[in-house]
Amino acid sequence: MKKVQDYTLTAFALVMSGYFIYLVSKRFLTDHISQNNIQYTKAVIIDDRNYNGNSRVKFDFTYSYSFIMDGKKYKGDSHDQNVKIGDSIEVEYDKEHPSINKPLHPKE
């Protein structure tokens, strides 16, 4: 029984570490889109909330945006508490990897 718990704990630690590395890598790539590959498009704010985990009393959130490129749907966090569902924002993305995208001029 002890071995099963050890394997479970090890697997959980590996999954969490991998997820953390994924998040950091994606954030780095999003902040450093190659100037040769930048494309711009309009995105629509959708009803998908991104909660700010640093607030203990009030649960602040921002809405996500989505856009379609080559028949595939991509989304990201607007980082703007003032936008409403259905609003349009401008987004920049890597033309070779549209999943790497970010809003232009977010209000934080």
N, C-alpha and C. Protein backbone atom coordinates (compact mmCIF):
# COMPACT_ATOMS: atom_id res chain seq x y z
N MET A 1 0.82 -1.20 0.00
CA MET A 1 0.00 0.00 0.00
C MET A 1 0.87 1.26 0.00
N LYS A 2 1.98 1.20 0.69
CA LYS A 2 2.89 2.35 0.76
C LYS A 2 3.45 2.68 -0.63
N LYS A 3 3.76 1.62 -1.42
CA LYS A 3 4.30 1.86 -2.76
C LYS A 3 3.27 2.54 -3.66
N VAL A 4 2.01 2.16 -3.54
CA VAL A 4 0.96 2.77 -4.34
C VAL A 4 0.85 4.26 -4.01
N GLN A 5 0.92 4.59 -2.74
CA GLN A 5 0.87 6.00 -2.33
C GLN A 5 2.08 6.76 -2.85
N ASP A 6 3.25 6.14 -2.78
CA ASP A 6 4.47 6.78 -3.28
C ASP A 6 4.37 7.04 -4.79
N TYR A 7 3.88 6.04 -5.55
CA TYR A 7 3.72 6.21 -6.99
C TYR A 7 2.69 7.29 -7.31
N THR A 8 1.61 7.30 -6.56
CA THR A 8 0.56 8.30 -6.78
C THR A 8 1.09 9.70 -6.51
N LEU A 9 1.81 9.86 -5.42
CA LEU A 9 2.38 11.16 -5.07
C LEU A 9 3.41 11.59 -6.11
N THR A 10 4.24 10.67 -6.56
CA THR A 10 5.24 10.98 -7.57
C THR A 10 4.57 11.38 -8.89
N ALA A 11 3.55 10.64 -9.30
CA ALA A 11 2.84 10.96 -10.53
C ALA A 11 2.17 12.32 -10.44
N PHE A 12 1.55 12.61 -9.30
CA PHE A 12 0.91 13.91 -9.10
C PHE A 12 1.94 15.04 -9.18
N ALA A 13 3.09 14.86 -8.54
CA ALA A 13 4.14 15.88 -8.55
C ALA A 13 4.65 16.11 -9.97
N LEU A 14 4.81 15.03 -10.74
CA LEU A 14 5.27 15.17 -12.13
C LEU A 14 4.25 15.90 -12.99
N VAL A 15 2.98 15.57 -12.81
CA VAL A 15 1.92 16.22 -13.58
C VAL A 15 1.87 17.71 -13.24
N MET A 16 1.92 18.04 -11.97
CA MET A 16 1.87 19.45 -11.56
C MET A 16 3.10 20.21 -12.05
N SER A 17 4.27 19.58 -11.98
CA SER A 17 5.49 20.23 -12.47
C SER A 17 5.40 20.46 -13.97
N GLY A 18 4.93 19.46 -14.69
CA GLY A 18 4.78 19.60 -16.13
C GLY A 18 3.81 20.69 -16.51
N TYR A 19 2.70 20.78 -15.78
CA TYR A 19 1.70 21.82 -16.05
C TYR A 19 2.30 23.20 -15.78
N PHE A 20 3.05 23.34 -14.71
CA PHE A 20 3.68 24.62 -14.38
C PHE A 20 4.67 25.02 -15.48
N ILE A 21 5.47 24.07 -15.94
CA ILE A 21 6.43 24.35 -17.01
C ILE A 21 5.69 24.76 -18.29
N TYR A 22 4.58 24.09 -18.59
CA TYR A 22 3.76 24.44 -19.75
C TYR A 22 3.26 25.88 -19.65
N LEU A 23 2.72 26.26 -18.48
CA LEU A 23 2.20 27.61 -18.31
C LEU A 23 3.28 28.67 -18.46
N VAL A 24 4.43 28.43 -17.85
CA VAL A 24 5.54 29.39 -17.94
C VAL A 24 6.03 29.49 -19.38
N SER A 25 6.16 28.36 -20.05
CA SER A 25 6.63 28.36 -21.44
C SER A 25 5.66 29.09 -22.35
N LYS A 26 4.36 28.84 -22.18
CA LYS A 26 3.37 29.51 -23.02
C LYS A 26 3.38 31.01 -22.77
N ARG A 27 3.52 31.41 -21.51
CA ARG A 27 3.57 32.84 -21.19
C ARG A 27 4.79 33.48 -21.84
N PHE A 28 5.94 32.80 -21.77
CA PHE A 28 7.16 33.32 -22.38
C PHE A 28 6.98 33.45 -23.89
N LEU A 29 6.44 32.42 -24.54
CA LEU A 29 6.25 32.46 -25.98
C LEU A 29 5.25 33.54 -26.38
N THR A 30 4.20 33.72 -25.59
CA THR A 30 3.20 34.75 -25.89
C THR A 30 3.82 36.14 -25.80
N ASP A 31 4.70 36.34 -24.84
CA ASP A 31 5.32 37.65 -24.67
C ASP A 31 6.42 37.91 -25.70
N HIS A 32 6.88 36.89 -26.39
CA HIS A 32 7.99 37.04 -27.32
C HIS A 32 7.66 36.47 -28.70
N ILE A 33 6.55 36.90 -29.27
CA ILE A 33 6.19 36.48 -30.62
C ILE A 33 7.19 37.09 -31.60
N SER A 34 7.72 36.27 -32.47
CA SER A 34 8.70 36.73 -33.45
C SER A 34 8.10 37.86 -34.29
N GLN A 35 8.84 38.92 -34.46
CA GLN A 35 8.36 40.08 -35.22
C GLN A 35 8.06 39.71 -36.68
N ASN A 36 8.70 38.66 -37.19
CA ASN A 36 8.45 38.23 -38.57
C ASN A 36 7.14 37.48 -38.72
N ASN A 37 6.62 36.94 -37.63
CA ASN A 37 5.42 36.09 -37.70
C ASN A 37 4.17 36.75 -37.13
N ILE A 38 4.23 38.00 -36.74
CA ILE A 38 3.07 38.65 -36.11
C ILE A 38 1.98 38.91 -37.14
N GLN A 39 0.78 38.53 -36.77
CA GLN A 39 -0.42 38.83 -37.54
C GLN A 39 -1.44 39.44 -36.57
N TYR A 40 -2.38 40.20 -37.11
CA TYR A 40 -3.41 40.85 -36.29
C TYR A 40 -4.79 40.43 -36.77
N THR A 41 -5.71 40.34 -35.82
CA THR A 41 -7.09 40.01 -36.17
C THR A 41 -8.00 40.55 -35.08
N LYS A 42 -9.29 40.53 -35.37
CA LYS A 42 -10.30 40.90 -34.38
C LYS A 42 -10.77 39.64 -33.67
N ALA A 43 -11.02 39.77 -32.38
CA ALA A 43 -11.54 38.67 -31.58
C ALA A 43 -12.79 39.16 -30.86
N VAL A 44 -13.64 38.22 -30.48
CA VAL A 44 -14.89 38.54 -29.80
C VAL A 44 -14.80 38.05 -28.36
N ILE A 45 -15.25 38.88 -27.42
CA ILE A 45 -15.28 38.50 -26.01
C ILE A 45 -16.38 37.46 -25.81
N ILE A 46 -16.00 36.36 -25.13
CA ILE A 46 -16.94 35.26 -24.90
C ILE A 46 -17.19 35.08 -23.40
N ASP A 47 -18.22 34.31 -23.08
CA ASP A 47 -18.60 34.08 -21.68
C ASP A 47 -17.75 32.95 -21.09
N ASP A 48 -16.48 33.24 -20.91
CA ASP A 48 -15.53 32.31 -20.29
C ASP A 48 -14.68 33.15 -19.34
N ARG A 49 -14.86 32.94 -18.05
CA ARG A 49 -14.22 33.80 -17.05
C ARG A 49 -12.85 33.28 -16.62
N ASN A 50 -11.94 34.21 -16.39
CA ASN A 50 -10.60 33.93 -15.87
C ASN A 50 -10.50 34.65 -14.53
N TYR A 51 -10.56 33.89 -13.44
CA TYR A 51 -10.57 34.48 -12.11
C TYR A 51 -9.17 34.83 -11.64
N ASN A 52 -9.08 35.96 -10.93
CA ASN A 52 -7.84 36.40 -10.33
C ASN A 52 -7.68 35.66 -9.01
N GLY A 53 -6.72 34.78 -8.92
CA GLY A 53 -6.54 33.96 -7.72
C GLY A 53 -5.94 34.68 -6.54
N ASN A 54 -5.52 35.93 -6.70
CA ASN A 54 -4.88 36.64 -5.61
C ASN A 54 -5.86 37.36 -4.68
N SER A 55 -7.10 37.38 -5.03
CA SER A 55 -8.10 38.08 -4.23
C SER A 55 -8.75 37.12 -3.24
N ARG A 56 -8.76 37.48 -1.96
CA ARG A 56 -9.34 36.61 -0.94
C ARG A 56 -10.82 36.90 -0.69
N VAL A 57 -11.25 38.13 -0.91
CA VAL A 57 -12.62 38.50 -0.59
C VAL A 57 -13.46 38.62 -1.85
N LYS A 58 -13.00 39.40 -2.77
CA LYS A 58 -13.73 39.64 -4.01
C LYS A 58 -13.10 38.82 -5.13
N PHE A 59 -13.92 38.09 -5.86
CA PHE A 59 -13.41 37.25 -6.93
C PHE A 59 -13.42 38.01 -8.25
N ASP A 60 -12.36 38.79 -8.49
CA ASP A 60 -12.23 39.55 -9.73
C ASP A 60 -11.98 38.58 -10.88
N PHE A 61 -12.47 38.94 -12.05
CA PHE A 61 -12.25 38.10 -13.22
C PHE A 61 -12.21 38.96 -14.47
N THR A 62 -11.67 38.37 -15.52
CA THR A 62 -11.70 38.96 -16.85
C THR A 62 -12.30 37.91 -17.78
N TYR A 63 -12.88 38.36 -18.88
CA TYR A 63 -13.45 37.43 -19.86
C TYR A 63 -12.39 37.00 -20.87
N SER A 64 -12.61 35.87 -21.46
CA SER A 64 -11.75 35.38 -22.54
C SER A 64 -12.25 35.94 -23.87
N TYR A 65 -11.41 35.86 -24.87
CA TYR A 65 -11.78 36.20 -26.23
C TYR A 65 -11.56 34.98 -27.11
N SER A 66 -12.19 34.97 -28.26
CA SER A 66 -11.95 33.89 -29.21
C SER A 66 -11.92 34.46 -30.63
N PHE A 67 -11.18 33.77 -31.47
CA PHE A 67 -11.13 34.10 -32.90
C PHE A 67 -10.92 32.82 -33.68
N ILE A 68 -11.28 32.85 -34.95
CA ILE A 68 -11.16 31.67 -35.80
C ILE A 68 -10.12 31.96 -36.88
N MET A 69 -9.19 31.02 -37.01
CA MET A 69 -8.15 31.13 -38.01
C MET A 69 -8.03 29.79 -38.72
N ASP A 70 -8.16 29.79 -40.04
CA ASP A 70 -8.08 28.57 -40.85
C ASP A 70 -9.04 27.49 -40.34
N GLY A 71 -10.24 27.90 -39.95
CA GLY A 71 -11.27 26.96 -39.53
C GLY A 71 -11.12 26.43 -38.11
N LYS A 72 -10.10 26.87 -37.38
CA LYS A 72 -9.89 26.44 -36.00
C LYS A 72 -10.15 27.61 -35.06
N LYS A 73 -10.73 27.29 -33.90
CA LYS A 73 -11.06 28.32 -32.91
C LYS A 73 -9.93 28.41 -31.88
N TYR A 74 -9.50 29.64 -31.60
CA TYR A 74 -8.46 29.91 -30.61
C TYR A 74 -9.02 30.89 -29.59
N LYS A 75 -8.49 30.83 -28.36
CA LYS A 75 -8.95 31.77 -27.35
C LYS A 75 -7.82 32.16 -26.42
N GLY A 76 -8.07 33.22 -25.65
CA GLY A 76 -7.09 33.71 -24.69
C GLY A 76 -7.78 34.63 -23.69
N ASP A 77 -7.03 35.06 -22.70
CA ASP A 77 -7.53 35.94 -21.64
C ASP A 77 -7.41 37.39 -22.10
N SER A 78 -8.50 38.16 -21.97
CA SER A 78 -8.49 39.55 -22.41
C SER A 78 -7.68 40.45 -21.48
N HIS A 79 -7.50 40.08 -20.23
CA HIS A 79 -6.78 40.87 -19.22
C HIS A 79 -7.40 42.26 -19.06
N ASP A 80 -8.69 42.37 -19.32
CA ASP A 80 -9.38 43.66 -19.24
C ASP A 80 -10.73 43.46 -18.55
N GLN A 81 -10.90 44.05 -17.37
CA GLN A 81 -12.15 43.89 -16.62
C GLN A 81 -13.27 44.76 -17.15
N ASN A 82 -12.98 45.63 -18.10
CA ASN A 82 -13.99 46.56 -18.61
C ASN A 82 -14.72 46.06 -19.85
N VAL A 83 -14.24 44.99 -20.47
CA VAL A 83 -14.92 44.49 -21.67
C VAL A 83 -16.13 43.65 -21.28
N LYS A 84 -17.08 43.59 -22.19
CA LYS A 84 -18.31 42.83 -21.96
C LYS A 84 -18.46 41.78 -23.06
N ILE A 85 -19.24 40.77 -22.78
CA ILE A 85 -19.48 39.70 -23.74
C ILE A 85 -20.02 40.30 -25.04
N GLY A 86 -19.43 39.92 -26.15
CA GLY A 86 -19.84 40.42 -27.46
C GLY A 86 -18.97 41.56 -27.97
N ASP A 87 -18.18 42.20 -27.10
CA ASP A 87 -17.27 43.26 -27.54
C ASP A 87 -16.19 42.67 -28.44
N SER A 88 -15.62 43.52 -29.28
CA SER A 88 -14.50 43.11 -30.14
C SER A 88 -13.22 43.74 -29.63
N ILE A 89 -12.14 42.99 -29.71
CA ILE A 89 -10.82 43.51 -29.37
C ILE A 89 -9.84 43.09 -30.46
N GLU A 90 -8.71 43.77 -30.54
CA GLU A 90 -7.69 43.40 -31.49
C GLU A 90 -6.69 42.47 -30.80
N VAL A 91 -6.27 41.45 -31.53
CA VAL A 91 -5.38 40.42 -31.00
C VAL A 91 -4.21 40.26 -31.95
N GLU A 92 -3.02 40.02 -31.39
CA GLU A 92 -1.89 39.65 -32.22
C GLU A 92 -1.57 38.18 -31.96
N TYR A 93 -1.14 37.49 -33.01
CA TYR A 93 -0.85 36.07 -32.89
C TYR A 93 0.30 35.69 -33.81
N ASP A 94 0.90 34.56 -33.54
CA ASP A 94 1.96 34.02 -34.37
C ASP A 94 1.29 33.32 -35.55
N LYS A 95 1.59 33.75 -36.79
CA LYS A 95 0.89 33.20 -37.95
C LYS A 95 1.15 31.71 -38.15
N GLU A 96 2.26 31.19 -37.65
CA GLU A 96 2.54 29.76 -37.77
C GLU A 96 1.93 28.95 -36.61
N HIS A 97 1.68 29.63 -35.49
CA HIS A 97 1.12 28.98 -34.31
C HIS A 97 0.08 29.91 -33.68
N PRO A 98 -1.14 29.97 -34.23
CA PRO A 98 -2.15 30.91 -33.72
C PRO A 98 -2.54 30.69 -32.25
N SER A 99 -2.21 29.53 -31.70
CA SER A 99 -2.51 29.32 -30.28
C SER A 99 -1.65 30.22 -29.40
N ILE A 100 -0.57 30.77 -29.96
CA ILE A 100 0.26 31.75 -29.26
C ILE A 100 -0.29 33.12 -29.65
N ASN A 101 -1.09 33.70 -28.77
CA ASN A 101 -1.76 34.96 -29.07
C ASN A 101 -1.91 35.78 -27.81
N LYS A 102 -2.15 37.08 -28.00
CA LYS A 102 -2.39 37.96 -26.85
C LYS A 102 -3.17 39.18 -27.32
N PRO A 103 -3.94 39.78 -26.40
CA PRO A 103 -4.69 40.98 -26.77
C PRO A 103 -3.75 42.18 -26.88
N LEU A 104 -4.11 43.10 -27.73
CA LEU A 104 -3.34 44.35 -27.82
C LEU A 104 -3.92 45.35 -26.84
N HIS A 105 -3.07 46.05 -26.17
CA HIS A 105 -3.46 47.11 -25.25
C HIS A 105 -4.46 46.67 -24.18
N PRO A 106 -4.17 45.59 -23.44
CA PRO A 106 -5.09 45.23 -22.35
C PRO A 106 -5.00 46.25 -21.23
N LYS A 107 -6.11 46.47 -20.59
CA LYS A 107 -6.16 47.39 -19.45
C LYS A 107 -6.09 46.56 -18.18
N GLU A 108 -5.01 46.70 -17.43
CA GLU A 108 -4.87 45.92 -16.19
C GLU A 108 -4.93 46.81 -15.00
